[in-house]
Amino acid sequence: MSAASPLVIDAHQHFWDPSRASYPWMAGEAMAPLRRPYVPGDLAPLLAAAGVDATLLVQCRHEAAETEEFLALAAATPFVVGVVGWVDLEGPDVAGDIARLRTLPGGDRLVGLRHNVHDEPDPEWLERADVWRGLEAVFAAGLTFDLLVRSRELPAAIACVRQFPGGRFVLDHMAKPPIARGFDALWADRFRQIAAFGNVRCKISGLVTEATWADHSPATFEPYLALARDAFGARRLIFGSDWPVATLAADYATVKDIAARCFHDDPDAAKGLFADNAIAAYRLESRLRTPPCSETSP
């Protein structure tokens, strides 16, 4: 980062190797392009070309071993400044599980946790007592919790957020609006409801794969970006690429450009979207190798 170029953070990317672990969500012909290893060396040139300085590496599967691997990978990868990992929130000792992860190589990079809630058969999974006990430990440890939900799970997510007014939540992928089917009023209403809670931030991420993959344009996403701007405002929206999943529908630069349309005419808001809001959501200040320069203007 230079005085002329403010810090840019991609707050949502993945790595994986299907030859070493199982990813059931990759099944089917449409997902075939994803069924190969994606590693830091694949992403680094894309970041450089797009002017992105740092990333958050986000969990893909419900296995503690993946989080352990991601922490070690973050420790060895300069651009990965944080990991959003996984622990069993219904387990008997969530606090102990988090403490153990922090003792591992790269353990200081653990900034949040996530669970693939939209894959749970129970739409009210986020209202379970055992899950709430687990989340108490998450927030007591100073971690952020990413909400991976669709419209079906949003009511339970809203109840969960209400239960933890002091917790920090980040809504992934705008709760996956069904863009390919057209603008959905029920999703939009629930999206606005969760946005009303000030302790929830929202990632502008994952939108291209919710649209028709081969038939979208910047205009496709404008109603969703407009709603996000109106519901969450400039201080609670966060850019995430969802790379490499997003490559099913668009290249890295296109995904970043779509997010930039949120605040194309407001440099201060754009700085929040691409850095400051992620720093606040995940408490990244001490983890950034090059701290954000408050005196630098976009």
C-alpha atoms as a PDB file:
ATOM      1  CA  MET A   1       0.000   0.000   0.000  1.00  0.00           C
ATOM      2  CA  SER A   2       1.289   3.460  -0.873  1.00  0.00           C
ATOM      3  CA  ALA A   3       0.132   6.954   0.013  1.00  0.00           C
ATOM      4  CA  ALA A   4      -1.739   7.011  -3.299  1.00  0.00           C
ATOM      5  CA  SER A   5      -3.349   3.589  -2.869  1.00  0.00           C
ATOM      6  CA  PRO A   6      -5.454   2.867   0.218  1.00  0.00           C
ATOM      7  CA  LEU A   7      -5.570  -0.592   1.704  1.00  0.00           C
ATOM      8  CA  VAL A   8      -7.966  -3.009  -0.021  1.00  0.00           C
ATOM      9  CA  ILE A   9      -9.186  -6.179   1.718  1.00  0.00           C
ATOM     10  CA  ASP A  10     -11.032  -9.127   0.211  1.00  0.00           C
ATOM     11  CA  ALA A  11     -12.931 -10.406   3.242  1.00  0.00           C
ATOM     12  CA  HIS A  12     -14.106 -13.689   1.739  1.00  0.00           C
ATOM     13  CA  GLN A  13     -12.015 -16.192  -0.219  1.00  0.00           C
ATOM     14  CA  HIS A  14     -11.346 -19.928  -0.055  1.00  0.00           C
ATOM     15  CA  PHE A  15      -8.656 -22.521  -0.684  1.00  0.00           C
ATOM     16  CA  TRP A  16      -9.198 -26.274  -1.032  1.00  0.00           C
ATOM     17  CA  ASP A  17      -7.899 -29.531  -2.424  1.00  0.00           C
ATOM     18  CA  PRO A  18     -10.642 -32.050  -3.313  1.00  0.00           C
ATOM     19  CA  SER A  19      -8.056 -34.827  -3.531  1.00  0.00           C
ATOM     20  CA  ARG A  20      -7.456 -34.523   0.221  1.00  0.00           C
ATOM     21  CA  ALA A  21     -10.953 -33.894   1.586  1.00  0.00           C
ATOM     22  CA  SER A  22     -14.641 -34.227   0.725  1.00  0.00           C
ATOM     23  CA  TYR A  23     -16.741 -31.265  -0.422  1.00  0.00           C
ATOM     24  CA  PRO A  24     -20.283 -32.580  -1.008  1.00  0.00           C
ATOM     25  CA  TRP A  25     -21.496 -29.207  -2.268  1.00  0.00           C
ATOM     26  CA  MET A  26     -19.160 -29.558  -5.267  1.00  0.00           C
ATOM     27  CA  ALA A  27     -21.149 -32.487  -6.667  1.00  0.00           C
ATOM     28  CA  GLY A  28     -22.632 -32.255 -10.155  1.00  0.00           C
ATOM     29  CA  GLU A  29     -21.413 -31.296 -13.587  1.00  0.00           C
ATOM     30  CA  ALA A  30     -21.923 -27.571 -13.059  1.00  0.00           C
ATOM     31  CA  MET A  31     -19.419 -27.605 -10.201  1.00  0.00           C
ATOM     32  CA  ALA A  32     -16.772 -29.548 -12.127  1.00  0.00           C
ATOM     33  CA  PRO A  33     -14.512 -26.493 -12.676  1.00  0.00           C
ATOM     34  CA  LEU A  34     -14.122 -26.172  -8.902  1.00  0.00           C
ATOM     35  CA  ARG A  35     -13.007 -29.751  -8.334  1.00  0.00           C
ATOM     36  CA  ARG A  36      -9.281 -29.047  -8.414  1.00  0.00           C
ATOM     37  CA  PRO A  37      -6.849 -27.579  -5.880  1.00  0.00           C
ATOM     38  CA  TYR A  38      -7.009 -23.812  -5.374  1.00  0.00           C
ATOM     39  CA  VAL A  39      -3.978 -22.487  -3.521  1.00  0.00           C
ATOM     40  CA  PRO A  40      -2.349 -19.132  -2.665  1.00  0.00           C
ATOM     41  CA  GLY A  41      -0.278 -19.184  -5.832  1.00  0.00           C
ATOM     42  CA  ASP A  42      -3.479 -19.178  -7.898  1.00  0.00           C
ATOM     43  CA  LEU A  43      -4.922 -16.169  -6.118  1.00  0.00           C
ATOM     44  CA  ALA A  44      -1.836 -13.992  -5.658  1.00  0.00           C
ATOM     45  CA  PRO A  45      -1.619 -12.699  -9.260  1.00  0.00           C
ATOM     46  CA  LEU A  46      -5.340 -11.940  -9.309  1.00  0.00           C
ATOM     47  CA  LEU A  47      -4.996  -9.861  -6.146  1.00  0.00           C
ATOM     48  CA  ALA A  48      -2.053  -7.973  -7.579  1.00  0.00           C
ATOM     49  CA  ALA A  49      -3.902  -7.232 -10.824  1.00  0.00           C
ATOM     50  CA  ALA A  50      -7.005  -6.046  -8.959  1.00  0.00           C
ATOM     51  CA  GLY A  51      -5.121  -3.951  -6.405  1.00  0.00           C
ATOM     52  CA  VAL A  52      -6.118  -6.086  -3.418  1.00  0.00           C
ATOM     53  CA  ASP A  53      -3.644  -6.149  -0.517  1.00  0.00           C
ATOM     54  CA  ALA A  54      -5.057  -8.646   1.973  1.00  0.00           C
ATOM     55  CA  THR A  55      -7.664 -11.359   2.372  1.00  0.00           C
ATOM     56  CA  LEU A  56      -9.665 -13.326   4.896  1.00  0.00           C
ATOM     57  CA  LEU A  57      -9.617 -17.090   4.323  1.00  0.00           C
ATOM     58  CA  VAL A  58     -13.034 -18.608   5.060  1.00  0.00           C
ATOM     59  CA  GLN A  59     -13.984 -22.177   5.987  1.00  0.00           C
ATOM     60  CA  CYS A  60     -15.472 -24.564   3.433  1.00  0.00           C
ATOM     61  CA  ARG A  61     -16.283 -27.703   5.425  1.00  0.00           C
ATOM     62  CA  HIS A  62     -17.280 -28.759   8.935  1.00  0.00           C
ATOM     63  CA  GLU A  63     -13.945 -30.133  10.064  1.00  0.00           C
ATOM     64  CA  ALA A  64     -11.579 -28.712  12.645  1.00  0.00           C
ATOM     65  CA  ALA A  65      -8.698 -30.119  10.594  1.00  0.00           C
ATOM     66  CA  GLU A  66      -9.477 -27.630   7.837  1.00  0.00           C
ATOM     67  CA  THR A  67      -9.268 -24.728  10.284  1.00  0.00           C
ATOM     68  CA  GLU A  68      -5.932 -26.010  11.555  1.00  0.00           C
ATOM     69  CA  GLU A  69      -4.650 -26.180   7.979  1.00  0.00           C
ATOM     70  CA  PHE A  70      -5.969 -22.711   7.193  1.00  0.00           C
ATOM     71  CA  LEU A  71      -4.267 -21.182  10.224  1.00  0.00           C
ATOM     72  CA  ALA A  72      -0.933 -22.693   9.213  1.00  0.00           C
ATOM     73  CA  LEU A  73      -1.502 -21.531   5.639  1.00  0.00           C
ATOM     74  CA  ALA A  74      -2.276 -18.016   6.845  1.00  0.00           C
ATOM     75  CA  ALA A  75       0.933 -17.952   8.861  1.00  0.00           C
ATOM     76  CA  ALA A  76       2.866 -18.803   5.695  1.00  0.00           C
ATOM     77  CA  THR A  77       0.933 -16.541   3.302  1.00  0.00           C
ATOM     78  CA  PRO A  78       1.577 -12.797   3.710  1.00  0.00           C
ATOM     79  CA  PHE A  79      -1.664 -11.639   2.115  1.00  0.00           C
ATOM     80  CA  VAL A  80      -3.919 -13.776   4.372  1.00  0.00           C
ATOM     81  CA  VAL A  81      -4.446 -11.601   7.452  1.00  0.00           C
ATOM     82  CA  GLY A  82      -7.224 -13.620   9.071  1.00  0.00           C
ATOM     83  CA  VAL A  83      -9.073 -16.922   9.091  1.00  0.00           C
ATOM     84  CA  VAL A  84     -12.802 -17.480   9.583  1.00  0.00           C
ATOM     85  CA  GLY A  85     -12.745 -21.098  10.713  1.00  0.00           C
ATOM     86  CA  TRP A  86     -15.069 -23.720  12.137  1.00  0.00           C
ATOM     87  CA  VAL A  87     -15.666 -25.444  15.455  1.00  0.00           C
ATOM     88  CA  ASP A  88     -18.592 -27.624  16.481  1.00  0.00           C
ATOM     89  CA  LEU A  89     -20.888 -25.068  18.110  1.00  0.00           C
ATOM     90  CA  GLU A  90     -22.911 -27.891  19.659  1.00  0.00           C
ATOM     91  CA  GLY A  91     -19.805 -29.529  21.107  1.00  0.00           C
ATOM     92  CA  PRO A  92     -19.198 -29.893  24.865  1.00  0.00           C
ATOM     93  CA  ASP A  93     -16.285 -27.428  25.093  1.00  0.00           C
ATOM     94  CA  VAL A  94     -16.406 -24.715  22.452  1.00  0.00           C
ATOM     95  CA  ALA A  95     -14.282 -22.397  24.569  1.00  0.00           C
ATOM     96  CA  GLY A  96     -11.628 -25.096  24.854  1.00  0.00           C
ATOM     97  CA  ASP A  97     -11.774 -25.808  21.116  1.00  0.00           C
ATOM     98  CA  ILE A  98     -11.170 -22.125  20.352  1.00  0.00           C
ATOM     99  CA  ALA A  99      -8.361 -21.909  22.890  1.00  0.00           C
ATOM    100  CA  ARG A 100      -6.663 -24.946  21.341  1.00  0.00           C
ATOM    101  CA  LEU A 101      -6.826 -23.456  17.851  1.00  0.00           C
ATOM    102  CA  ARG A 102      -5.156 -20.325  19.142  1.00  0.00           C
ATOM    103  CA  THR A 103      -2.157 -22.311  20.373  1.00  0.00           C
ATOM    104  CA  LEU A 104      -1.474 -23.716  16.895  1.00  0.00           C
ATOM    105  CA  PRO A 105       0.802 -22.221  14.236  1.00  0.00           C
ATOM    106  CA  GLY A 106      -1.099 -19.244  12.855  1.00  0.00           C
ATOM    107  CA  GLY A 107      -3.519 -19.324  15.783  1.00  0.00           C
ATOM    108  CA  ASP A 108      -3.275 -15.566  16.130  1.00  0.00           C
ATOM    109  CA  ARG A 109      -4.933 -15.299  12.705  1.00  0.00           C
ATOM    110  CA  LEU A 110      -8.236 -16.744  13.929  1.00  0.00           C
ATOM    111  CA  VAL A 111     -10.668 -13.830  13.659  1.00  0.00           C
ATOM    112  CA  GLY A 112     -14.028 -15.541  13.284  1.00  0.00           C
ATOM    113  CA  LEU A 113     -16.038 -18.731  12.907  1.00  0.00           C
ATOM    114  CA  ARG A 114     -18.697 -19.918  10.487  1.00  0.00           C
ATOM    115  CA  HIS A 115     -21.098 -22.824  10.057  1.00  0.00           C
ATOM    116  CA  ASN A 116     -22.822 -23.763   6.785  1.00  0.00           C
ATOM    117  CA  VAL A 117     -26.244 -23.101   8.285  1.00  0.00           C
ATOM    118  CA  HIS A 118     -28.085 -23.165   4.958  1.00  0.00           C
ATOM    119  CA  ASP A 119     -27.097 -26.828   4.588  1.00  0.00           C
ATOM    120  CA  GLU A 120     -28.701 -27.835   7.880  1.00  0.00           C
ATOM    121  CA  PRO A 121     -32.029 -29.705   7.466  1.00  0.00           C
ATOM    122  CA  ASP A 122     -33.439 -27.731  10.396  1.00  0.00           C
ATOM    123  CA  PRO A 123     -34.204 -24.130   9.342  1.00  0.00           C
ATOM    124  CA  GLU A 124     -34.208 -23.172  13.036  1.00  0.00           C
ATOM    125  CA  TRP A 125     -30.731 -24.555  13.728  1.00  0.00           C
ATOM    126  CA  LEU A 126     -29.549 -21.111  14.808  1.00  0.00           C
ATOM    127  CA  GLU A 127     -32.147 -21.091  17.593  1.00  0.00           C
ATOM    128  CA  ARG A 128     -30.966 -24.296  19.262  1.00  0.00           C
ATOM    129  CA  ALA A 129     -29.929 -23.962  22.893  1.00  0.00           C
ATOM    130  CA  ASP A 130     -26.675 -25.851  22.289  1.00  0.00           C
ATOM    131  CA  VAL A 131     -25.792 -23.535  19.415  1.00  0.00           C
ATOM    132  CA  TRP A 132     -26.450 -20.491  21.598  1.00  0.00           C
ATOM    133  CA  ARG A 133     -24.170 -21.914  24.285  1.00  0.00           C
ATOM    134  CA  GLY A 134     -21.511 -22.326  21.639  1.00  0.00           C
ATOM    135  CA  LEU A 135     -21.986 -18.771  20.419  1.00  0.00           C
ATOM    136  CA  GLU A 136     -21.582 -17.479  23.969  1.00  0.00           C
ATOM    137  CA  ALA A 137     -18.085 -18.950  23.890  1.00  0.00           C
ATOM    138  CA  VAL A 138     -17.416 -17.500  20.415  1.00  0.00           C
ATOM    139  CA  PHE A 139     -18.229 -13.983  21.512  1.00  0.00           C
ATOM    140  CA  ALA A 140     -16.511 -14.358  24.874  1.00  0.00           C
ATOM    141  CA  ALA A 141     -13.361 -15.213  22.898  1.00  0.00           C
ATOM    142  CA  GLY A 142     -13.681 -11.963  20.943  1.00  0.00           C
ATOM    143  CA  LEU A 143     -14.451 -13.665  17.634  1.00  0.00           C
ATOM    144  CA  THR A 144     -16.915 -12.694  14.915  1.00  0.00           C
ATOM    145  CA  PHE A 145     -19.560 -15.105  13.624  1.00  0.00           C
ATOM    146  CA  ASP A 146     -20.359 -15.282   9.916  1.00  0.00           C
ATOM    147  CA  LEU A 147     -23.970 -16.092   9.069  1.00  0.00           C
ATOM    148  CA  LEU A 148     -24.185 -18.356   6.012  1.00  0.00           C
ATOM    149  CA  VAL A 149     -27.942 -18.403   5.466  1.00  0.00           C
ATOM    150  CA  ARG A 150     -30.594 -18.028   2.806  1.00  0.00           C
ATOM    151  CA  SER A 151     -34.095 -16.610   3.138  1.00  0.00           C
ATOM    152  CA  ARG A 152     -35.301 -19.867   4.751  1.00  0.00           C
ATOM    153  CA  GLU A 153     -32.910 -19.483   7.700  1.00  0.00           C
ATOM    154  CA  LEU A 154     -33.119 -15.700   8.096  1.00  0.00           C
ATOM    155  CA  PRO A 155     -35.883 -15.767  10.765  1.00  0.00           C
ATOM    156  CA  ALA A 156     -33.704 -17.972  12.989  1.00  0.00           C
ATOM    157  CA  ALA A 157     -30.697 -15.769  12.231  1.00  0.00           C
ATOM    158  CA  ILE A 158     -32.703 -12.739  13.322  1.00  0.00           C
ATOM    159  CA  ALA A 159     -33.651 -14.482  16.580  1.00  0.00           C
ATOM    160  CA  CYS A 160     -30.010 -15.397  17.122  1.00  0.00           C
ATOM    161  CA  VAL A 161     -28.798 -11.846  16.542  1.00  0.00           C
ATOM    162  CA  ARG A 162     -31.444 -10.568  18.938  1.00  0.00           C
ATOM    163  CA  GLN A 163     -30.194 -13.020  21.564  1.00  0.00           C
ATOM    164  CA  PHE A 164     -26.618 -11.690  21.322  1.00  0.00           C
ATOM    165  CA  PRO A 165     -26.772  -7.894  21.100  1.00  0.00           C
ATOM    166  CA  GLY A 166     -23.105  -7.674  22.044  1.00  0.00           C
ATOM    167  CA  GLY A 167     -21.914 -10.199  19.463  1.00  0.00           C
ATOM    168  CA  ARG A 168     -20.402  -9.261  16.124  1.00  0.00           C
ATOM    169  CA  PHE A 169     -22.173 -10.893  13.156  1.00  0.00           C
ATOM    170  CA  VAL A 170     -21.399 -10.743   9.438  1.00  0.00           C
ATOM    171  CA  LEU A 171     -24.070 -11.800   6.950  1.00  0.00           C
ATOM    172  CA  ASP A 172     -22.375 -13.661   4.101  1.00  0.00           C
ATOM    173  CA  HIS A 173     -23.377 -13.156   0.448  1.00  0.00           C
ATOM    174  CA  MET A 174     -26.315 -10.875   1.302  1.00  0.00           C
ATOM    175  CA  ALA A 175     -28.124 -14.030   2.489  1.00  0.00           C
ATOM    176  CA  LYS A 176     -27.995 -15.388  -1.062  1.00  0.00           C
ATOM    177  CA  PRO A 177     -30.844 -13.613  -2.866  1.00  0.00           C
ATOM    178  CA  PRO A 178     -32.301 -15.859  -5.604  1.00  0.00           C
ATOM    179  CA  ILE A 179     -31.257 -13.437  -8.350  1.00  0.00           C
ATOM    180  CA  ALA A 180     -31.698 -15.893 -11.213  1.00  0.00           C
ATOM    181  CA  ARG A 181     -35.397 -16.258 -10.357  1.00  0.00           C
ATOM    182  CA  GLY A 182     -35.985 -12.518 -10.072  1.00  0.00           C
ATOM    183  CA  PHE A 183     -36.259 -10.104  -7.175  1.00  0.00           C
ATOM    184  CA  ASP A 184     -37.774 -11.932  -4.195  1.00  0.00           C
ATOM    185  CA  ALA A 185     -39.911  -9.815  -1.864  1.00  0.00           C
ATOM    186  CA  LEU A 186     -39.800 -12.276   1.046  1.00  0.00           C
ATOM    187  CA  TRP A 187     -35.998 -12.405   0.959  1.00  0.00           C
ATOM    188  CA  ALA A 188     -35.850  -8.604   0.749  1.00  0.00           C
ATOM    189  CA  ASP A 189     -38.162  -8.161   3.744  1.00  0.00           C
ATOM    190  CA  ARG A 190     -36.122 -10.561   5.874  1.00  0.00           C
ATOM    191  CA  PHE A 191     -32.894  -8.941   4.671  1.00  0.00           C
ATOM    192  CA  ARG A 192     -34.158  -5.571   5.883  1.00  0.00           C
ATOM    193  CA  GLN A 193     -35.195  -7.081   9.207  1.00  0.00           C
ATOM    194  CA  ILE A 194     -31.730  -8.422   9.986  1.00  0.00           C
ATOM    195  CA  ALA A 195     -30.117  -5.209   8.769  1.00  0.00           C
ATOM    196  CA  ALA A 196     -32.036  -3.347  11.472  1.00  0.00           C
ATOM    197  CA  PHE A 197     -29.653  -4.820  14.072  1.00  0.00           C
ATOM    198  CA  GLY A 198     -26.601  -2.593  14.382  1.00  0.00           C
ATOM    199  CA  ASN A 199     -24.304  -5.477  15.358  1.00  0.00           C
ATOM    200  CA  VAL A 200     -24.732  -7.127  11.935  1.00  0.00           C
ATOM    201  CA  ARG A 201     -22.568  -6.276   8.948  1.00  0.00           C
ATOM    202  CA  CYS A 202     -23.087  -7.620   5.437  1.00  0.00           C
ATOM    203  CA  LYS A 203     -20.740  -8.909   2.751  1.00  0.00           C
ATOM    204  CA  ILE A 204     -21.230  -7.823  -0.818  1.00  0.00           C
ATOM    205  CA  SER A 205     -20.105 -11.214  -2.040  1.00  0.00           C
ATOM    206  CA  GLY A 206     -21.374 -14.315  -3.787  1.00  0.00           C
ATOM    207  CA  LEU A 207     -23.859 -12.437  -5.966  1.00  0.00           C
ATOM    208  CA  VAL A 208     -22.633 -13.543  -9.390  1.00  0.00           C
ATOM    209  CA  THR A 209     -23.273 -17.208  -8.621  1.00  0.00           C
ATOM    210  CA  GLU A 210     -26.819 -16.428  -7.472  1.00  0.00           C
ATOM    211  CA  ALA A 211     -27.503 -14.887 -10.903  1.00  0.00           C
ATOM    212  CA  THR A 212     -27.695 -16.793 -14.173  1.00  0.00           C
ATOM    213  CA  TRP A 213     -24.023 -17.627 -14.603  1.00  0.00           C
ATOM    214  CA  ALA A 214     -23.729 -16.966 -18.320  1.00  0.00           C
ATOM    215  CA  ASP A 215     -26.244 -14.140 -18.571  1.00  0.00           C
ATOM    216  CA  HIS A 216     -25.715 -11.208 -16.239  1.00  0.00           C
ATOM    217  CA  SER A 217     -24.464  -7.646 -16.470  1.00  0.00           C
ATOM    218  CA  PRO A 218     -23.709  -4.933 -13.899  1.00  0.00           C
ATOM    219  CA  ALA A 219     -27.333  -3.829 -14.142  1.00  0.00           C
ATOM    220  CA  THR A 220     -28.440  -7.274 -12.931  1.00  0.00           C
ATOM    221  CA  PHE A 221     -27.084  -6.527  -9.465  1.00  0.00           C
ATOM    222  CA  GLU A 222     -28.114  -2.900  -9.050  1.00  0.00           C
ATOM    223  CA  PRO A 223     -31.439  -3.615  -7.233  1.00  0.00           C
ATOM    224  CA  TYR A 224     -29.540  -5.742  -4.705  1.00  0.00           C
ATOM    225  CA  LEU A 225     -26.736  -3.233  -4.242  1.00  0.00           C
ATOM    226  CA  ALA A 226     -29.303  -0.471  -3.825  1.00  0.00           C
ATOM    227  CA  LEU A 227     -31.113  -2.449  -1.142  1.00  0.00           C
ATOM    228  CA  ALA A 228     -27.849  -3.202   0.648  1.00  0.00           C
ATOM    229  CA  ARG A 229     -26.869   0.479   0.601  1.00  0.00           C
ATOM    230  CA  ASP A 230     -30.258   1.494   1.958  1.00  0.00           C
ATOM    231  CA  ALA A 231     -30.503  -1.219   4.620  1.00  0.00           C
ATOM    232  CA  PHE A 232     -26.919  -1.374   5.914  1.00  0.00           C
ATOM    233  CA  GLY A 233     -25.464   1.996   4.965  1.00  0.00           C
ATOM    234  CA  ALA A 234     -21.858   2.873   4.242  1.00  0.00           C
ATOM    235  CA  ARG A 235     -20.344   1.638   7.526  1.00  0.00           C
ATOM    236  CA  ARG A 236     -21.618  -1.950   7.554  1.00  0.00           C
ATOM    237  CA  LEU A 237     -20.974  -3.276   4.037  1.00  0.00           C
ATOM    238  CA  ILE A 238     -17.879  -5.393   3.328  1.00  0.00           C
ATOM    239  CA  PHE A 239     -16.359  -6.563   0.046  1.00  0.00           C
ATOM    240  CA  GLY A 240     -15.725 -10.272  -0.466  1.00  0.00           C
ATOM    241  CA  SER A 241     -14.866 -12.017  -3.724  1.00  0.00           C
ATOM    242  CA  ASP A 242     -16.038 -15.533  -2.818  1.00  0.00           C
ATOM    243  CA  TRP A 243     -13.124 -16.712  -4.979  1.00  0.00           C
ATOM    244  CA  PRO A 244     -12.866 -19.320  -6.426  1.00  0.00           C
ATOM    245  CA  VAL A 245     -16.592 -20.144  -6.254  1.00  0.00           C
ATOM    246  CA  ALA A 246     -17.323 -16.906  -8.099  1.00  0.00           C
ATOM    247  CA  THR A 247     -15.244 -18.060 -11.073  1.00  0.00           C
ATOM    248  CA  LEU A 248     -18.214 -20.182 -12.116  1.00  0.00           C
ATOM    249  CA  ALA A 249     -19.880 -16.947 -13.215  1.00  0.00           C
ATOM    250  CA  ALA A 250     -17.264 -14.177 -13.444  1.00  0.00           C
ATOM    251  CA  ASP A 251     -13.564 -13.443 -13.131  1.00  0.00           C
ATOM    252  CA  TYR A 252     -12.016 -11.824 -10.073  1.00  0.00           C
ATOM    253  CA  ALA A 253     -11.790  -8.325 -11.529  1.00  0.00           C
ATOM    254  CA  THR A 254     -15.457  -8.375 -12.582  1.00  0.00           C
ATOM    255  CA  VAL A 255     -16.587  -9.411  -9.104  1.00  0.00           C
ATOM    256  CA  LYS A 256     -14.603  -6.573  -7.546  1.00  0.00           C
ATOM    257  CA  ASP A 257     -15.987  -4.097 -10.080  1.00  0.00           C
ATOM    258  CA  ILE A 258     -19.564  -5.137  -9.272  1.00  0.00           C
ATOM    259  CA  ALA A 259     -18.977  -4.472  -5.573  1.00  0.00           C
ATOM    260  CA  ALA A 260     -17.365  -1.125  -6.378  1.00  0.00           C
ATOM    261  CA  ARG A 261     -20.649  -0.003  -7.957  1.00  0.00           C
ATOM    262  CA  CYS A 262     -22.065   0.213  -4.428  1.00  0.00           C
ATOM    263  CA  PHE A 263     -20.261   3.479  -3.772  1.00  0.00           C
ATOM    264  CA  HIS A 264     -18.744   4.487  -7.101  1.00  0.00           C
ATOM    265  CA  ASP A 265     -19.505   8.150  -6.390  1.00  0.00           C
ATOM    266  CA  ASP A 266     -18.510   8.206  -2.696  1.00  0.00           C
ATOM    267  CA  PRO A 267     -14.778   7.626  -2.021  1.00  0.00           C
ATOM    268  CA  ASP A 268     -15.189   7.606   1.759  1.00  0.00           C
ATOM    269  CA  ALA A 269     -17.908   4.950   1.609  1.00  0.00           C
ATOM    270  CA  ALA A 270     -15.831   2.938  -0.874  1.00  0.00           C
ATOM    271  CA  LYS A 271     -12.913   2.983   1.566  1.00  0.00           C
ATOM    272  CA  GLY A 272     -15.223   1.497   4.177  1.00  0.00           C
ATOM    273  CA  LEU A 273     -16.476  -1.188   1.806  1.00  0.00           C
ATOM    274  CA  PHE A 274     -12.988  -2.243   0.740  1.00  0.00           C
ATOM    275  CA  ALA A 275     -11.153  -2.004   4.056  1.00  0.00           C
ATOM    276  CA  ASP A 276     -12.379  -0.138   7.109  1.00  0.00           C
ATOM    277  CA  ASN A 277     -15.585  -2.083   7.684  1.00  0.00           C
ATOM    278  CA  ALA A 278     -13.805  -5.444   7.509  1.00  0.00           C
ATOM    279  CA  ILE A 279     -11.142  -4.157   9.899  1.00  0.00           C
ATOM    280  CA  ALA A 280     -13.843  -3.204  12.395  1.00  0.00           C
ATOM    281  CA  ALA A 281     -15.899  -6.378  11.926  1.00  0.00           C
ATOM    282  CA  TYR A 282     -12.974  -8.749  12.468  1.00  0.00           C
ATOM    283  CA  ARG A 283     -10.718  -6.584  14.663  1.00  0.00           C
ATOM    284  CA  LEU A 284      -7.917  -6.722  12.156  1.00  0.00           C
ATOM    285  CA  GLU A 285      -5.987  -3.639  13.261  1.00  0.00           C
ATOM    286  CA  SER A 286      -3.215  -5.527  15.022  1.00  0.00           C
ATOM    287  CA  ARG A 287      -3.061  -8.255  12.381  1.00  0.00           C
ATOM    288  CA  LEU A 288      -2.473  -6.102   9.340  1.00  0.00           C
ATOM    289  CA  ARG A 289       1.121  -6.135   8.219  1.00  0.00           C
ATOM    290  CA  THR A 290       0.610  -2.688   6.706  1.00  0.00           C
ATOM    291  CA  PRO A 291      -1.795  -0.809   9.003  1.00  0.00           C
ATOM    292  CA  PRO A 292      -4.495   1.286   7.352  1.00  0.00           C
ATOM    293  CA  CYS A 293      -3.345   4.855   6.912  1.00  0.00           C
ATOM    294  CA  SER A 294      -6.025   7.161   8.281  1.00  0.00           C
ATOM    295  CA  GLU A 295      -4.389  10.182   6.658  1.00  0.00           C
ATOM    296  CA  THR A 296      -4.560   8.602   3.200  1.00  0.00           C
ATOM    297  CA  SER A 297      -7.463   9.569   0.969  1.00  0.00           C
ATOM    298  CA  PRO A 298      -8.732   7.314  -1.796  1.00  0.00           C
END
